[in-house]
Amino acid sequence: MFPSAPVTKGRLLLAAPPLEDPNFDRTVIYVLEHHDEGAVGVVINRSSDEALDEPLDRWIELQTAPSSVFEGGPVESTALIALAAAKDPDIDDEALTPIVGVIASADLTADPAIVAASVNEVRVFRGYAGWGPGQLEGEIDAGAWLVLDAQTSDVFTNAPDELWREVLRRQPGRLAWLANAPDDLSMN
C-alpha cells in the first residue's frame, strides 16, 4: 500500500486501518527501544480516568494535560513508564534517560521537585506494547503499521483522541488521505 521506513527508536507506529486487534485499533505508539531482541513502545493516544496515587501524586504538577495515566499498552499493566520533555537535549540529570532529542524516560522514584528543573512536561503510561525478535517487522511488512517521524508534541499532546488523524494529516501525498478513513471501512 505505502512504503514503510525501518523502525527506529523515537519514531511513531500508526495502526493502519483496519487493524482489527482492539488493543491497537487507531493507536499511535512511540517506540522506546528497537533492536534484534525486539521492540518496546507506549501507546501515546489513549488517556484514562486514572490519576497518580501516593506516592507518585507528587508528579501530578509536572504532568501535561490531560494529566491522567495513559494506557501505554497491553503488556505488564502494573508497570508505570514516564516520559519527559527535557529543557535541554543534552540531558544532564540522573533521573532522566535520553531516548531521542529532548524526549527522555523519567525515573518515577526520583524527587519530582528536583527533576522539575530539567523538564518542561511529563506523561505517565501504564503498561507498554512489546514485540519479540522479528515480530514487529513482520507486522509492518503485513501492512499493520505505518512507521512515521515523531514530533515532541505528539508524545505530550493535549488532544490525544485526535492524534492518529493529526499525524496522518501532516504526511505528504496520499498518505494524508488516511486521516479521513471512517472507523468502519465498510461504511466508505
Protein backbone atom coordinates (compact mmCIF):
# COMPACT_ATOMS: atom_id res chain seq x y z
CA MET A 1 0.00 0.00 0.00
CA PHE A 2 2.54 2.62 1.16
CA PRO A 3 6.28 2.18 1.56
CA SER A 4 7.39 1.77 5.15
CA ALA A 5 10.58 3.01 6.70
CA PRO A 6 12.66 0.95 9.10
CA VAL A 7 11.53 1.24 12.70
CA THR A 8 13.91 3.11 14.91
CA LYS A 9 13.83 4.35 18.45
CA GLY A 10 11.96 7.64 18.72
CA ARG A 11 9.61 7.11 15.74
CA LEU A 12 5.88 6.54 15.63
CA LEU A 13 3.92 3.44 14.72
CA LEU A 14 0.41 4.25 13.49
CA ALA A 15 -2.08 1.42 13.31
CA ALA A 16 -3.09 1.09 9.67
CA PRO A 17 -6.83 0.87 9.11
CA PRO A 18 -8.30 -1.57 9.71
CA LEU A 19 -6.07 -3.10 12.39
CA GLU A 20 -8.62 -5.42 13.92
CA ASP A 21 -6.86 -6.04 17.25
CA PRO A 22 -8.86 -3.89 19.71
CA ASN A 23 -5.68 -3.27 21.72
CA PHE A 24 -4.22 -1.34 18.81
CA ASP A 25 -7.05 -0.03 16.61
CA ARG A 26 -6.25 3.62 15.69
CA THR A 27 -3.31 3.71 18.09
CA VAL A 28 -0.19 5.82 17.89
CA ILE A 29 2.83 4.18 19.50
CA TYR A 30 6.05 5.98 20.39
CA VAL A 31 8.94 3.50 20.01
CA LEU A 32 11.17 3.49 23.09
CA GLU A 33 13.54 0.74 22.02
CA HIS A 34 14.10 -1.36 18.89
CA HIS A 35 16.87 -3.89 18.34
CA ASP A 36 17.47 -7.53 17.35
CA GLU A 37 15.77 -8.80 20.53
CA GLY A 38 12.52 -6.97 19.74
CA ALA A 39 10.82 -3.64 20.25
CA VAL A 40 9.08 -1.73 23.04
CA GLY A 41 6.84 1.32 22.83
CA VAL A 42 3.96 3.08 24.53
CA VAL A 43 0.55 3.98 23.15
CA ILE A 44 0.50 7.79 23.33
CA ASN A 45 -3.09 8.47 22.31
CA ARG A 46 -5.14 6.65 24.95
CA SER A 47 -5.73 8.63 28.10
CA SER A 48 -7.63 7.11 31.02
CA ASP A 49 -9.51 8.37 34.05
CA GLU A 50 -6.75 7.12 36.35
CA ALA A 51 -4.81 9.70 38.36
CA LEU A 52 -1.49 9.12 40.04
CA ASP A 53 -1.85 7.82 43.60
CA GLU A 54 0.51 8.24 46.54
CA PRO A 55 3.50 8.41 46.50
CA LEU A 56 3.53 9.22 42.76
CA ASP A 57 0.96 12.00 43.11
CA ARG A 58 3.94 14.31 43.68
CA TRP A 59 4.44 14.10 39.88
CA ILE A 60 0.98 15.49 39.06
CA GLU A 61 2.20 19.10 38.81
CA LEU A 62 4.68 18.09 36.09
CA GLN A 63 2.13 16.15 34.03
CA THR A 64 0.91 17.76 30.85
CA ALA A 65 -2.84 17.93 30.21
CA PRO A 66 -4.70 15.69 30.21
CA SER A 67 -2.94 14.82 33.45
CA SER A 68 -4.09 11.25 33.72
CA VAL A 69 -2.22 7.98 33.47
CA PHE A 70 -2.30 6.88 29.82
CA GLU A 71 -2.95 3.30 28.70
CA GLY A 72 0.54 2.51 27.40
CA GLY A 73 -0.25 -0.96 26.12
CA PRO A 74 -1.40 -4.46 26.98
CA VAL A 75 1.93 -5.74 28.34
CA GLU A 76 2.63 -5.57 32.11
CA SER A 77 -0.35 -3.44 33.03
CA THR A 78 1.13 -2.84 36.50
CA ALA A 79 4.27 -1.21 35.09
CA LEU A 80 4.41 2.60 35.02
CA ILE A 81 6.60 4.36 32.46
CA ALA A 82 7.15 8.12 32.49
CA LEU A 83 8.31 10.16 29.52
CA ALA A 84 9.56 13.70 29.90
CA ALA A 85 10.35 16.58 27.57
CA ALA A 86 13.70 17.84 28.77
CA LYS A 87 14.50 21.55 28.66
CA ASP A 88 17.84 20.77 27.02
CA PRO A 89 18.61 17.98 24.51
CA ASP A 90 21.93 17.44 26.30
CA ILE A 91 20.20 15.90 29.31
CA ASP A 92 22.31 16.03 32.45
CA ASP A 93 20.05 14.59 35.13
CA GLU A 94 20.41 11.20 36.83
CA ALA A 95 16.60 10.79 36.84
CA LEU A 96 16.35 11.15 33.05
CA THR A 97 17.48 8.64 30.43
CA PRO A 98 17.62 10.13 26.92
CA ILE A 99 15.58 8.48 24.17
CA VAL A 100 15.73 10.86 21.18
CA GLY A 101 16.11 14.64 21.10
CA VAL A 102 14.56 16.17 24.20
CA ILE A 103 12.42 13.11 25.00
CA ALA A 104 13.66 11.06 27.92
CA SER A 105 12.47 8.35 30.23
CA ALA A 106 11.92 9.73 33.75
CA ASP A 107 12.63 7.76 36.91
CA LEU A 108 9.42 7.96 38.95
CA THR A 109 11.33 7.07 42.13
CA ALA A 110 13.23 10.37 41.87
CA ASP A 111 12.11 13.53 43.63
CA PRO A 112 9.91 15.40 41.11
CA ALA A 113 10.80 18.73 42.74
CA ILE A 114 14.41 18.20 41.67
CA VAL A 115 13.54 16.78 38.22
CA ALA A 116 11.26 19.79 37.57
CA ALA A 117 14.31 21.99 36.92
CA SER A 118 15.24 19.78 33.93
CA VAL A 119 11.87 19.12 32.27
CA ASN A 120 9.03 21.02 30.62
CA GLU A 121 6.42 18.28 30.88
CA VAL A 122 5.84 14.67 31.86
CA ARG A 123 3.41 11.96 30.77
CA VAL A 124 2.89 8.67 32.64
CA PHE A 125 1.84 5.40 30.97
CA ARG A 126 0.51 2.16 32.48
CA GLY A 127 1.81 -0.84 30.57
CA TYR A 128 3.51 -0.92 27.20
CA ALA A 129 3.46 -2.56 23.78
CA GLY A 130 6.13 -5.15 23.11
CA TRP A 131 7.26 -7.37 20.25
CA GLY A 132 9.65 -10.31 20.15
CA PRO A 133 12.50 -10.72 17.65
CA GLY A 134 11.26 -10.05 14.12
CA GLN A 135 7.60 -9.81 15.20
CA LEU A 136 7.18 -6.07 14.64
CA GLU A 137 9.00 -6.22 11.31
CA GLY A 138 6.57 -8.96 10.21
CA GLU A 139 3.57 -6.86 11.23
CA ILE A 140 4.97 -3.85 9.34
CA ASP A 141 5.59 -5.98 6.24
CA ALA A 142 1.98 -7.24 6.50
CA GLY A 143 0.75 -3.63 6.44
CA ALA A 144 -0.48 -3.41 10.04
CA TRP A 145 1.69 -0.39 10.96
CA LEU A 146 2.83 2.82 9.32
CA VAL A 147 6.26 3.99 10.50
CA LEU A 148 6.42 7.79 10.69
CA ASP A 149 8.58 10.51 12.17
CA ALA A 150 7.62 11.76 15.63
CA GLN A 151 7.43 15.28 16.94
CA THR A 152 7.90 16.01 20.63
CA SER A 153 4.41 17.49 20.69
CA ASP A 154 2.98 14.09 19.64
CA VAL A 155 4.08 12.47 22.89
CA PHE A 156 2.71 15.32 25.01
CA THR A 157 -0.37 16.35 23.01
CA ASN A 158 -3.30 17.78 24.93
CA ALA A 159 -5.66 16.25 22.32
CA PRO A 160 -4.71 12.55 22.33
CA ASP A 161 -8.03 11.45 20.83
CA GLU A 162 -7.18 13.38 17.65
CA LEU A 163 -3.51 12.35 17.41
CA TRP A 164 -3.93 9.41 14.98
CA ARG A 165 -5.67 11.65 12.42
CA GLU A 166 -3.41 14.63 13.14
CA VAL A 167 -0.22 12.65 12.44
CA LEU A 168 -1.70 11.36 9.18
CA ARG A 169 -2.84 14.84 8.07
CA ARG A 170 0.70 16.17 8.17
CA GLN A 171 2.04 13.38 5.91
CA PRO A 172 2.73 14.08 2.22
CA GLY A 173 0.57 12.93 -0.66
CA ARG A 174 -1.97 10.15 -0.49
CA LEU A 175 -0.88 9.02 2.95
CA ALA A 176 -2.68 12.07 4.38
CA TRP A 177 -5.93 10.75 2.89
CA LEU A 178 -5.99 8.00 5.52
CA ALA A 179 -6.79 10.66 8.14
CA ASN A 180 -10.32 10.73 6.74
CA ALA A 181 -10.83 6.96 6.71
CA PRO A 182 -14.05 6.02 8.50
CA ASP A 183 -13.83 3.87 11.64
CA ASP A 184 -15.81 1.17 9.80
CA LEU A 185 -14.29 0.82 6.31
CA SER A 186 -17.42 -0.95 5.06
CA MET A 187 -19.20 2.39 5.52
CA ASN A 188 -16.94 4.06 2.96
